[in-house]
N, C-alpha and C. Protein backbone atom coordinates (compact mmCIF):
# COMPACT_ATOMS: atom_id res chain seq x y z
N MET A 1 82.26 130.88 88.69
CA MET A 1 82.48 129.92 89.90
C MET A 1 82.86 128.73 89.36
N LYS A 2 82.25 128.07 88.28
CA LYS A 2 82.55 126.68 87.67
C LYS A 2 83.98 126.77 87.11
N LYS A 3 84.33 127.82 86.65
CA LYS A 3 85.66 128.05 86.04
C LYS A 3 86.80 127.98 87.11
N ASN A 4 86.46 128.81 87.99
CA ASN A 4 87.45 128.75 89.18
C ASN A 4 87.53 127.32 89.88
N ASN A 5 86.44 126.60 90.07
CA ASN A 5 86.41 125.27 90.32
C ASN A 5 87.37 124.36 89.70
N GLY A 6 86.97 124.48 88.51
CA GLY A 6 87.83 123.54 87.30
C GLY A 6 89.31 123.72 87.31
N LEU A 7 89.64 125.09 87.53
CA LEU A 7 90.86 125.33 87.81
C LEU A 7 91.56 124.96 88.93
N ARG A 8 90.85 124.95 89.87
CA ARG A 8 91.28 124.38 91.28
C ARG A 8 91.62 122.99 91.19
N ILE A 9 90.50 122.22 90.62
CA ILE A 9 90.64 120.89 90.42
C ILE A 9 92.09 120.50 89.67
N LYS A 10 92.21 121.17 88.70
CA LYS A 10 93.43 121.04 87.78
C LYS A 10 94.65 121.03 88.48
N ASP A 11 94.76 122.34 89.28
CA ASP A 11 95.85 122.70 90.19
C ASP A 11 96.15 121.68 91.20
N ILE A 12 95.15 121.02 91.81
CA ILE A 12 95.27 119.97 92.84
C ILE A 12 95.78 118.75 91.95
N VAL A 13 95.27 118.50 90.94
CA VAL A 13 95.97 117.12 90.34
C VAL A 13 97.32 117.38 89.68
N TYR A 14 97.52 118.84 89.21
CA TYR A 14 98.85 119.03 88.85
C TYR A 14 99.78 118.75 89.73
N LYS A 15 99.63 119.56 91.01
CA LYS A 15 100.35 119.34 92.29
C LYS A 15 100.48 118.16 92.69
N HIS A 16 99.70 117.24 92.68
CA HIS A 16 99.74 115.96 93.35
C HIS A 16 100.54 115.17 92.47
N ILE A 17 100.70 115.44 91.14
CA ILE A 17 101.35 114.53 90.21
C ILE A 17 102.87 115.17 90.19
N ALA A 18 102.93 116.25 90.37
CA ALA A 18 104.38 117.20 90.33
C ALA A 18 105.10 116.61 91.56
N SER A 19 104.29 116.45 92.80
CA SER A 19 105.05 116.20 94.01
C SER A 19 105.31 114.63 94.17
N ASN A 20 104.73 113.86 93.19
CA ASN A 20 104.79 112.36 93.16
C ASN A 20 105.41 111.92 91.97
N SER A 21 106.18 112.77 91.10
CA SER A 21 106.34 112.40 89.71
C SER A 21 107.28 111.26 89.69
N LYS A 22 108.26 111.04 90.55
CA LYS A 22 109.11 109.81 90.54
C LYS A 22 108.31 108.55 90.71
N GLU A 23 107.30 108.51 91.73
CA GLU A 23 106.58 107.42 92.02
C GLU A 23 105.62 107.10 90.64
N TYR A 24 105.11 108.22 89.75
CA TYR A 24 104.17 108.05 88.74
C TYR A 24 105.15 107.57 87.68
N ILE A 25 106.27 107.95 87.57
CA ILE A 25 107.17 107.49 86.32
C ILE A 25 107.52 105.98 86.65
N LEU A 26 107.58 105.65 87.93
CA LEU A 26 107.97 103.93 88.08
C LEU A 26 106.76 103.30 87.79
N VAL A 27 105.60 103.62 88.24
CA VAL A 27 104.39 102.87 88.11
C VAL A 27 104.00 102.87 86.86
N SER A 28 104.02 103.80 86.03
CA SER A 28 103.65 104.14 84.66
C SER A 28 104.77 103.18 83.80
N LEU A 29 105.94 103.06 84.11
CA LEU A 29 106.93 102.17 83.58
C LEU A 29 106.60 100.62 83.47
N VAL A 30 106.22 100.40 84.86
CA VAL A 30 105.55 98.91 85.10
C VAL A 30 104.64 98.70 84.07
N PHE A 31 103.49 99.78 84.03
CA PHE A 31 102.41 99.35 83.16
C PHE A 31 102.83 99.24 81.64
N ILE A 32 103.78 100.03 81.28
CA ILE A 32 104.30 99.96 80.02
C ILE A 32 105.16 98.74 79.58
N VAL A 33 106.00 98.33 80.49
CA VAL A 33 106.55 96.91 80.38
C VAL A 33 105.64 95.95 80.17
N GLY A 34 104.47 95.87 80.89
CA GLY A 34 103.36 94.99 80.75
C GLY A 34 102.56 95.03 79.39
N ILE A 35 102.42 96.19 78.94
CA ILE A 35 102.13 96.54 77.60
C ILE A 35 103.02 95.78 76.51
N PHE A 36 104.28 96.12 76.65
CA PHE A 36 105.46 95.59 75.85
C PHE A 36 105.37 93.96 75.83
N LEU A 37 105.13 93.37 76.91
CA LEU A 37 105.19 91.95 77.21
C LEU A 37 103.98 91.39 76.42
N GLY A 38 102.69 92.16 76.42
CA GLY A 38 101.57 91.53 75.85
C GLY A 38 101.98 91.47 74.29
N VAL A 39 102.47 92.61 73.91
CA VAL A 39 102.68 92.73 72.54
C VAL A 39 103.60 91.50 71.96
N MET A 40 104.78 91.56 72.70
CA MET A 40 105.82 90.40 72.53
C MET A 40 105.18 89.12 72.65
N PHE A 41 104.30 88.80 73.37
CA PHE A 41 103.51 87.48 73.42
C PHE A 41 102.97 87.02 72.35
N ILE A 42 101.99 88.07 71.63
CA ILE A 42 101.43 87.81 70.38
C ILE A 42 102.43 87.83 69.41
N ASN A 43 103.44 88.42 69.36
CA ASN A 43 104.22 88.41 68.17
C ASN A 43 105.01 87.25 67.79
N SER A 44 105.05 86.35 69.02
CA SER A 44 105.66 85.12 69.23
C SER A 44 104.93 83.99 69.15
N ALA A 45 103.62 84.24 69.17
CA ALA A 45 102.21 83.31 69.03
C ALA A 45 102.48 82.24 67.94
N GLN A 46 102.15 81.13 68.19
CA GLN A 46 102.03 80.20 67.05
C GLN A 46 100.87 80.49 66.15
N GLU A 47 100.85 79.91 64.89
CA GLU A 47 99.69 80.17 63.90
C GLU A 47 98.32 79.49 64.66
N ALA A 48 98.42 78.46 65.31
CA ALA A 48 97.19 77.78 65.93
C ALA A 48 96.50 78.73 66.96
N GLN A 49 97.53 79.49 67.76
CA GLN A 49 96.88 80.37 68.79
C GLN A 49 96.28 81.57 68.07
N LEU A 50 96.79 82.04 66.98
CA LEU A 50 96.57 83.20 66.32
C LEU A 50 94.93 82.86 65.58
N SER A 51 94.81 81.52 65.07
CA SER A 51 93.91 81.06 64.64
C SER A 51 92.65 80.97 65.53
N GLU A 52 92.94 80.67 66.66
CA GLU A 52 91.95 80.55 67.87
C GLU A 52 91.35 82.17 68.10
N ILE A 53 92.35 83.04 68.27
CA ILE A 53 92.05 84.43 68.68
C ILE A 53 91.21 85.03 67.39
N LYS A 54 91.41 84.57 66.13
CA LYS A 54 90.62 85.08 64.93
C LYS A 54 89.40 84.52 64.96
N THR A 55 89.33 83.44 65.39
CA THR A 55 88.01 82.65 65.62
C THR A 55 87.03 83.23 66.51
N TYR A 56 87.70 83.45 67.70
CA TYR A 56 86.85 84.31 68.73
C TYR A 56 86.47 85.63 68.44
N LEU A 57 87.60 86.43 67.73
CA LEU A 57 86.87 87.50 67.37
C LEU A 57 85.77 87.56 66.54
N ASN A 58 85.90 86.85 65.34
CA ASN A 58 84.94 86.75 64.37
C ASN A 58 83.55 86.45 65.02
N GLU A 59 83.51 85.40 65.84
CA GLU A 59 82.33 85.05 66.61
C GLU A 59 81.84 86.23 67.38
N PHE A 60 82.64 86.81 68.04
CA PHE A 60 82.29 88.00 69.02
C PHE A 60 81.56 88.85 68.02
N ILE A 61 82.26 89.49 66.78
CA ILE A 61 81.79 90.47 65.95
C ILE A 61 80.31 90.15 65.50
N GLU A 62 80.16 88.79 65.01
CA GLU A 62 78.85 88.40 64.62
C GLU A 62 77.92 88.34 65.54
N LYS A 63 78.12 87.86 66.82
CA LYS A 63 77.20 87.91 67.97
C LYS A 63 76.76 89.43 68.34
N LEU A 64 77.77 90.42 68.30
CA LEU A 64 77.29 91.77 68.39
C LEU A 64 76.49 92.31 67.32
N LYS A 65 76.75 91.87 66.03
CA LYS A 65 75.80 92.31 64.98
C LYS A 65 74.59 91.72 64.89
N SER A 66 74.34 90.54 65.59
CA SER A 66 72.91 89.86 65.71
C SER A 66 72.10 90.65 66.86
N ILE A 67 72.93 90.98 67.80
CA ILE A 67 72.33 91.47 69.15
C ILE A 67 71.45 93.08 68.79
N GLU A 68 70.14 93.16 68.64
CA GLU A 68 69.66 94.29 68.51
C GLU A 68 69.62 95.30 69.60
N GLN A 69 69.33 94.69 70.80
CA GLN A 69 69.13 95.71 72.07
C GLN A 69 70.08 94.87 73.22
N ILE A 70 71.12 95.83 73.57
CA ILE A 70 72.08 95.01 74.57
C ILE A 70 71.72 95.57 75.85
N ASN A 71 71.67 94.63 76.91
CA ASN A 71 71.03 94.71 78.26
C ASN A 71 72.29 95.65 78.89
N ASN A 72 72.56 96.95 78.71
CA ASN A 72 73.33 97.68 79.13
C ASN A 72 73.61 97.74 80.63
N PHE A 73 72.48 97.82 81.45
CA PHE A 73 72.50 98.01 82.89
C PHE A 73 73.11 96.58 83.55
N GLU A 74 72.90 95.60 83.04
CA GLU A 74 73.25 94.10 83.57
C GLU A 74 74.83 94.19 83.40
N ILE A 75 75.20 94.50 81.89
CA ILE A 75 76.71 94.44 81.65
C ILE A 75 77.28 95.46 82.50
N LEU A 76 76.66 96.64 82.83
CA LEU A 76 77.34 97.69 83.53
C LEU A 76 77.67 97.37 85.11
N LYS A 77 76.67 96.58 85.47
CA LYS A 77 76.78 96.17 87.17
C LYS A 77 78.18 95.23 87.11
N THR A 78 78.02 94.36 86.11
CA THR A 78 79.29 93.41 86.23
C THR A 78 80.72 94.20 86.02
N THR A 79 80.69 95.00 84.98
CA THR A 79 81.86 96.06 84.77
C THR A 79 82.30 96.69 85.82
N ILE A 80 81.37 97.45 86.57
CA ILE A 80 81.68 98.27 87.76
C ILE A 80 81.92 97.37 88.78
N PHE A 81 81.42 96.15 89.09
CA PHE A 81 81.71 95.45 90.08
C PHE A 81 83.44 95.01 89.88
N GLU A 82 83.54 94.48 88.47
CA GLU A 82 85.02 93.93 88.68
C GLU A 82 85.83 95.43 88.82
N ASN A 83 85.49 96.47 88.40
CA ASN A 83 86.65 97.52 88.73
C ASN A 83 86.71 98.04 90.05
N ILE A 84 85.68 97.74 90.71
CA ILE A 84 85.67 98.16 92.44
C ILE A 84 86.58 96.94 92.97
N ILE A 85 86.35 95.75 92.65
CA ILE A 85 87.05 94.76 93.17
C ILE A 85 88.54 95.04 92.81
N LEU A 86 89.06 95.42 91.49
CA LEU A 86 90.16 95.65 91.30
C LEU A 86 90.82 96.87 92.07
N ALA A 87 89.95 97.87 92.21
CA ALA A 87 90.50 98.88 93.32
C ALA A 87 90.76 98.62 94.56
N ILE A 88 89.68 97.78 95.07
CA ILE A 88 89.91 97.39 96.62
C ILE A 88 91.16 96.33 96.74
N THR A 89 91.35 95.79 95.80
CA THR A 89 92.31 94.80 95.66
C THR A 89 93.92 95.68 95.91
N LEU A 90 93.87 96.72 94.91
CA LEU A 90 95.07 97.45 94.94
C LEU A 90 95.28 98.13 96.23
N TRP A 91 94.07 98.72 96.60
CA TRP A 91 93.99 99.42 97.86
C TRP A 91 94.61 98.51 99.00
N PHE A 92 94.06 97.15 99.30
CA PHE A 92 94.38 96.48 100.13
C PHE A 92 95.86 96.08 100.34
N PHE A 93 96.42 95.63 99.13
CA PHE A 93 97.70 95.17 98.87
C PHE A 93 98.69 96.31 99.13
N GLY A 94 98.19 97.70 98.82
CA GLY A 94 99.01 99.08 98.91
C GLY A 94 99.01 99.49 100.52
N THR A 95 98.16 98.63 101.49
CA THR A 95 98.34 99.17 102.71
C THR A 95 99.45 98.14 103.72
N THR A 96 99.99 97.08 102.97
CA THR A 96 100.97 96.40 103.31
C THR A 96 102.31 96.34 102.87
N VAL A 97 103.23 96.35 103.55
CA VAL A 97 104.54 96.42 102.83
C VAL A 97 104.79 95.28 101.98
N ILE A 98 104.64 94.01 102.56
CA ILE A 98 104.79 92.85 101.36
C ILE A 98 103.81 93.01 100.25
N GLY A 99 102.86 93.64 100.42
CA GLY A 99 101.90 93.86 99.20
C GLY A 99 102.17 94.43 97.91
N ILE A 100 102.99 95.30 98.38
CA ILE A 100 103.72 96.33 97.28
C ILE A 100 103.98 95.65 95.97
N PRO A 101 104.82 94.47 95.97
CA PRO A 101 105.03 93.80 94.72
C PRO A 101 103.81 93.12 94.08
N ILE A 102 102.85 92.81 94.76
CA ILE A 102 101.55 92.39 94.28
C ILE A 102 100.94 93.35 93.51
N VAL A 103 100.95 94.83 94.17
CA VAL A 103 100.53 95.83 93.50
C VAL A 103 101.01 96.05 91.88
N PHE A 104 102.42 95.85 91.90
CA PHE A 104 103.04 96.06 90.81
C PHE A 104 102.70 94.98 89.76
N GLY A 105 102.57 93.98 90.51
CA GLY A 105 102.30 92.53 89.64
C GLY A 105 100.91 92.77 88.99
N ILE A 106 99.88 93.38 89.72
CA ILE A 106 98.48 93.56 89.23
C ILE A 106 98.72 94.75 88.16
N ILE A 107 99.49 95.76 88.27
CA ILE A 107 99.61 96.70 87.22
C ILE A 107 100.33 96.12 86.12
N LEU A 108 101.29 95.39 86.18
CA LEU A 108 102.07 94.76 85.02
C LEU A 108 101.06 93.79 84.51
N TYR A 109 100.19 93.24 85.05
CA TYR A 109 99.31 92.17 84.42
C TYR A 109 98.28 93.02 83.50
N ARG A 110 97.79 94.23 84.16
CA ARG A 110 96.82 94.90 83.44
C ARG A 110 97.40 95.54 82.05
N GLY A 111 98.62 96.05 82.25
CA GLY A 111 99.41 96.50 81.08
C GLY A 111 99.52 95.35 79.85
N PHE A 112 99.83 94.06 80.50
CA PHE A 112 100.02 93.07 79.52
C PHE A 112 98.72 92.57 78.96
N CYS A 113 97.68 92.60 79.54
CA CYS A 113 96.20 92.29 79.18
C CYS A 113 95.80 93.48 77.85
N LEU A 114 96.35 94.53 78.19
CA LEU A 114 96.10 95.56 77.12
C LEU A 114 96.85 95.50 75.97
N GLY A 115 98.22 95.37 76.15
CA GLY A 115 98.95 95.16 75.01
C GLY A 115 98.64 93.77 74.30
N TYR A 116 98.48 92.78 75.04
CA TYR A 116 97.87 91.43 74.21
C TYR A 116 96.62 91.53 73.56
N THR A 117 95.63 92.44 74.02
CA THR A 117 94.41 92.75 73.28
C THR A 117 94.47 93.34 72.14
N ILE A 118 95.19 94.77 72.23
CA ILE A 118 95.39 95.53 71.00
C ILE A 118 96.22 94.89 69.97
N SER A 119 97.12 94.19 70.51
CA SER A 119 98.19 93.46 69.40
C SER A 119 97.43 92.40 68.71
N SER A 120 96.58 91.63 69.52
CA SER A 120 95.92 90.35 68.81
C SER A 120 94.89 90.86 67.78
N ILE A 121 94.24 91.69 68.33
CA ILE A 121 93.45 92.49 67.43
C ILE A 121 93.70 93.06 66.12
N ILE A 122 94.92 93.73 66.11
CA ILE A 122 95.29 94.41 64.98
C ILE A 122 96.10 93.19 64.19
N VAL A 123 96.79 92.14 64.83
CA VAL A 123 97.38 91.15 63.95
C VAL A 123 96.18 90.19 63.16
N THR A 124 95.08 89.96 63.93
CA THR A 124 94.16 89.08 63.36
C THR A 124 93.28 89.95 62.36
N MET A 125 93.02 91.19 62.55
CA MET A 125 91.84 91.92 61.81
C MET A 125 92.76 92.81 60.74
N GLY A 126 93.91 92.95 60.94
CA GLY A 126 94.45 93.84 60.04
C GLY A 126 94.75 95.26 60.57
N ILE A 127 95.70 96.15 60.06
CA ILE A 127 95.88 97.34 60.62
C ILE A 127 94.67 98.32 60.42
N GLY A 128 94.16 98.46 59.52
CA GLY A 128 92.82 99.32 59.21
C GLY A 128 91.69 99.03 60.16
N LYS A 129 91.23 97.74 60.05
CA LYS A 129 90.05 97.51 60.95
C LYS A 129 90.43 97.26 62.36
N GLY A 130 91.55 96.72 62.53
CA GLY A 130 92.17 96.65 63.95
C GLY A 130 92.15 97.87 64.74
N ILE A 131 92.83 98.64 64.02
CA ILE A 131 93.01 100.27 64.72
C ILE A 131 91.55 100.80 64.80
N ALA A 132 90.69 100.67 64.04
CA ALA A 132 89.19 101.14 64.20
C ALA A 132 88.56 100.36 65.36
N PHE A 133 88.94 99.15 65.41
CA PHE A 133 88.13 98.11 66.43
C PHE A 133 88.62 98.67 67.64
N VAL A 134 89.88 98.73 67.85
CA VAL A 134 90.76 99.12 69.12
C VAL A 134 90.19 100.58 69.59
N LEU A 135 90.20 101.64 68.78
CA LEU A 135 89.79 103.08 69.03
C LEU A 135 88.51 103.01 69.56
N SER A 136 87.49 102.37 68.89
CA SER A 136 86.18 102.41 69.29
C SER A 136 85.85 101.74 70.51
N SER A 137 86.48 100.53 70.80
CA SER A 137 86.10 99.57 71.92
C SER A 137 87.01 99.87 73.32
N LEU A 138 88.05 100.37 72.76
CA LEU A 138 89.17 100.36 74.11
C LEU A 138 89.57 101.71 74.47
N LEU A 139 89.48 102.73 73.58
CA LEU A 139 90.23 104.01 74.14
C LEU A 139 89.46 104.98 75.04
N LEU A 140 88.12 105.22 74.97
CA LEU A 140 87.45 106.08 75.78
C LEU A 140 87.47 105.71 77.25
N GLN A 141 87.26 104.36 77.56
CA GLN A 141 87.39 104.09 79.02
C GLN A 141 88.53 103.88 79.53
N ASN A 142 89.67 103.57 78.77
CA ASN A 142 91.10 103.35 79.23
C ASN A 142 91.62 104.81 79.43
N ILE A 143 91.12 105.90 78.84
CA ILE A 143 91.70 107.17 79.30
C ILE A 143 91.42 107.48 80.44
N ILE A 144 90.31 106.94 81.29
CA ILE A 144 89.96 106.98 82.68
C ILE A 144 90.67 105.87 83.39
N LEU A 145 90.66 104.71 83.14
CA LEU A 145 90.87 103.39 83.87
C LEU A 145 92.29 103.51 84.02
N ILE A 146 93.12 103.68 82.95
CA ILE A 146 94.60 103.45 83.24
C ILE A 146 95.33 104.51 84.09
N PRO A 147 94.85 105.91 84.16
CA PRO A 147 95.55 106.64 85.09
C PRO A 147 94.98 106.46 86.38
N ALA A 148 93.45 105.97 86.60
CA ALA A 148 93.06 105.81 87.95
C ALA A 148 93.61 104.46 88.66
N ILE A 149 94.23 103.39 87.96
CA ILE A 149 94.76 102.30 88.56
C ILE A 149 96.20 102.57 88.71
N ILE A 150 96.72 103.46 87.93
CA ILE A 150 98.23 103.83 88.33
C ILE A 150 98.29 104.60 89.47
N ALA A 151 97.16 105.36 89.50
CA ALA A 151 97.06 106.57 90.54
C ALA A 151 96.81 105.84 91.95
N ILE A 152 96.10 104.63 91.91
CA ILE A 152 95.97 103.96 93.15
C ILE A 152 97.23 103.08 93.51
N GLY A 153 97.98 102.70 92.49
CA GLY A 153 99.27 102.10 92.86
C GLY A 153 100.33 102.90 93.27
N VAL A 154 100.53 104.41 92.89
CA VAL A 154 101.26 105.21 93.32
C VAL A 154 100.97 105.78 94.78
N SER A 155 99.56 106.00 95.17
CA SER A 155 99.29 105.93 96.56
C SER A 155 99.89 104.87 97.52
N GLY A 156 99.45 103.68 96.99
CA GLY A 156 100.12 102.49 97.78
C GLY A 156 101.49 102.43 98.18
N PHE A 157 102.31 102.78 96.89
CA PHE A 157 103.77 102.81 97.05
C PHE A 157 104.15 104.05 97.92
N LYS A 158 103.49 105.24 97.72
CA LYS A 158 103.77 106.55 98.67
C LYS A 158 103.53 105.86 100.18
N LEU A 159 102.57 105.18 100.74
CA LEU A 159 102.19 104.65 101.76
C LEU A 159 103.51 103.74 102.24
N TYR A 160 103.63 102.82 101.32
CA TYR A 160 104.95 101.80 101.63
C TYR A 160 106.14 102.51 102.04
N LYS A 161 106.51 103.58 101.30
CA LYS A 161 107.62 104.33 101.49
C LYS A 161 107.48 105.00 102.88
N SER A 162 106.23 105.60 103.19
CA SER A 162 106.12 106.05 104.56
C SER A 162 106.43 105.15 105.80
N ILE A 163 105.85 104.03 105.53
CA ILE A 163 105.97 102.88 106.60
C ILE A 163 107.43 102.52 106.63
N VAL A 164 108.03 102.39 105.50
CA VAL A 164 109.47 102.14 105.66
C VAL A 164 110.43 102.97 106.31
N LYS A 165 110.15 104.32 105.94
CA LYS A 165 111.03 105.36 106.42
C LYS A 165 110.64 106.12 107.54
N ASN A 166 109.40 106.04 107.96
CA ASN A 166 108.82 106.65 109.27
C ASN A 166 108.07 105.59 109.97
N ARG A 167 108.61 105.43 111.19
CA ARG A 167 108.25 104.35 112.05
C ARG A 167 106.95 105.15 113.28
N ASN A 168 106.82 106.24 112.99
CA ASN A 168 105.66 106.87 113.74
C ASN A 168 104.34 106.56 113.55
N ARG A 169 103.65 106.15 114.36
CA ARG A 169 102.31 105.30 114.07
C ARG A 169 101.31 106.44 113.82
N ASP A 170 101.38 107.57 114.41
CA ASP A 170 100.54 108.62 114.16
C ASP A 170 100.50 108.95 112.62
N ASN A 171 101.81 109.22 112.11
CA ASN A 171 102.03 109.56 110.78
C ASN A 171 101.59 108.34 109.81
N ILE A 172 101.95 107.30 110.23
CA ILE A 172 101.39 106.08 109.27
C ILE A 172 99.98 106.01 109.06
N LYS A 173 99.18 106.52 110.12
CA LYS A 173 97.76 106.33 110.27
C LYS A 173 97.19 107.51 109.27
N ILE A 174 97.80 108.74 109.29
CA ILE A 174 97.30 109.77 108.63
C ILE A 174 97.55 109.37 107.03
N GLU A 175 98.71 108.67 106.70
CA GLU A 175 99.06 108.20 105.29
C GLU A 175 98.26 107.10 104.78
N LEU A 176 97.84 106.10 105.80
CA LEU A 176 96.87 105.14 105.55
C LEU A 176 95.37 105.71 105.23
N LEU A 177 94.99 106.81 106.04
CA LEU A 177 93.69 107.66 105.77
C LEU A 177 93.71 108.12 104.38
N ARG A 178 94.89 108.98 103.99
CA ARG A 178 94.89 109.45 102.92
C ARG A 178 94.82 108.66 101.76
N HIS A 179 95.56 107.32 101.80
CA HIS A 179 95.51 106.28 100.67
C HIS A 179 94.08 105.68 100.65
N THR A 180 93.39 105.52 101.66
CA THR A 180 91.87 105.14 101.85
C THR A 180 91.13 106.12 100.98
N ILE A 181 91.27 107.32 101.36
CA ILE A 181 90.42 108.40 100.71
C ILE A 181 90.59 108.66 99.30
N PHE A 182 91.74 108.68 98.99
CA PHE A 182 92.25 108.82 97.49
C PHE A 182 91.93 107.48 96.70
N SER A 183 91.93 106.38 97.36
CA SER A 183 91.25 105.05 96.62
C SER A 183 89.85 105.11 96.44
N ILE A 184 89.33 105.78 97.43
CA ILE A 184 87.69 105.84 97.30
C ILE A 184 87.30 106.91 96.01
N ILE A 185 87.97 107.76 95.93
CA ILE A 185 87.94 108.84 94.92
C ILE A 185 88.15 108.10 93.60
N MET A 186 89.16 107.19 93.46
CA MET A 186 89.68 106.53 92.38
C MET A 186 88.66 105.52 92.12
N ILE A 187 88.04 104.83 92.97
CA ILE A 187 86.78 104.02 92.83
C ILE A 187 85.87 104.74 91.80
N GLY A 188 85.61 105.87 92.41
CA GLY A 188 84.34 106.80 91.48
C GLY A 188 84.92 107.13 90.05
N ALA A 189 86.19 107.05 89.89
CA ALA A 189 86.80 107.31 88.55
C ALA A 189 86.60 106.04 87.80
N LEU A 190 86.72 104.99 88.24
CA LEU A 190 86.73 103.53 87.62
C LEU A 190 85.18 103.14 87.56
N CYS A 191 84.27 103.69 88.31
CA CYS A 191 82.96 103.66 87.95
C CYS A 191 82.52 104.54 86.71
N ILE A 192 83.03 105.50 86.51
CA ILE A 192 82.88 106.22 85.38
C ILE A 192 83.29 105.84 84.21
N ALA A 193 84.57 105.07 84.25
CA ALA A 193 85.27 104.28 83.03
C ALA A 193 84.09 103.25 82.80
N GLY A 194 83.57 102.36 83.69
CA GLY A 194 82.57 101.59 83.28
C GLY A 194 81.29 102.04 82.62
N ILE A 195 80.85 103.11 83.04
CA ILE A 195 79.71 103.68 82.28
C ILE A 195 80.25 104.07 80.85
N VAL A 196 81.33 104.67 80.77
CA VAL A 196 81.84 105.08 79.47
C VAL A 196 81.95 103.92 78.73
N GLU A 197 82.61 102.86 79.30
CA GLU A 197 82.78 101.72 78.27
C GLU A 197 81.43 101.11 77.87
N ILE A 198 80.47 101.04 78.78
CA ILE A 198 79.18 100.41 78.30
C ILE A 198 77.97 101.23 77.40
N PHE A 199 78.00 102.54 77.80
CA PHE A 199 77.06 103.28 77.07
C PHE A 199 77.82 104.21 76.09
N PHE A 200 78.96 104.36 75.98
CA PHE A 200 79.68 105.01 74.66
C PHE A 200 80.42 104.09 73.96
N SER A 201 81.41 103.43 74.46
CA SER A 201 82.25 102.67 73.60
C SER A 201 81.63 101.49 72.91
N THR A 202 80.58 100.65 73.84
CA THR A 202 79.83 99.58 73.13
C THR A 202 79.07 100.09 72.09
N ASN A 203 78.32 101.39 72.16
CA ASN A 203 77.54 101.82 71.05
C ASN A 203 78.19 102.28 69.86
N ILE A 204 79.53 102.83 70.09
CA ILE A 204 80.28 103.30 69.07
C ILE A 204 80.72 101.91 68.18
N LEU A 205 81.07 100.92 68.85
CA LEU A 205 81.62 99.85 68.33
C LEU A 205 80.43 99.09 67.48
N LYS A 206 79.50 99.01 68.16
CA LYS A 206 78.12 98.43 67.46
C LYS A 206 77.88 99.32 66.24
N LYS A 207 77.94 100.41 65.98
CA LYS A 207 77.79 101.25 64.88
C LYS A 207 78.72 100.89 63.64
N ILE A 208 80.20 100.93 64.36
CA ILE A 208 81.29 100.67 63.35
C ILE A 208 81.25 99.18 62.78
N ILE A 209 81.05 98.20 63.58
CA ILE A 209 81.30 96.82 63.42
C ILE A 209 80.41 96.56 62.17
N LYS A 210 79.33 97.23 61.80
CA LYS A 210 78.61 96.81 60.62
C LYS A 210 79.18 97.01 59.48
N TYR A 211 80.43 97.69 59.38
CA TYR A 211 81.19 97.94 58.25
C TYR A 211 82.23 96.69 58.22
N PHE A 212 82.48 95.90 59.14
CA PHE A 212 83.57 94.81 59.27
C PHE A 212 83.18 93.73 58.37
């Protein structure tokens, strides 16, 4: 039964992506452009800026080394709250025609932040330590978080196209309901991303950081 349920979920996900492939490609490209801009920003940064980033990272590492017990549940509350706010913001602006550029802007910004973070860590810490730091602190939660925010963006864009092409109120209501339900499911995924970040990534980083 469990295998069948697993296959069914995979089939649903595959069909959803396949039927919205153009939208997923577009929104993913927006995110990738954001990453590229973040990397370019660091590459063109002045020595003073890089020095500030290096100082911040060193202070963060030393602070993490000195903390024996992290209050995971307090940090988890904050992380999940931020992720829920992000999802609600994407959902809300995805329900309006004029809000779609804002949805794309948020996704672009998230890509920029990721590109900026990864690039700044590698530039200031070196390739070996930088990659180890990035993989341990950012990889696991972003495997869930990135597809989730892209999926909400795609859902909002799909609703936008439905509003523009189809003026039938009943059809728009159905699409709005679908967008809302889908966004709620993605909120669940973002909550899982928060749990992974706090209880897995942070602990992995704390173990690896001893060797830095």
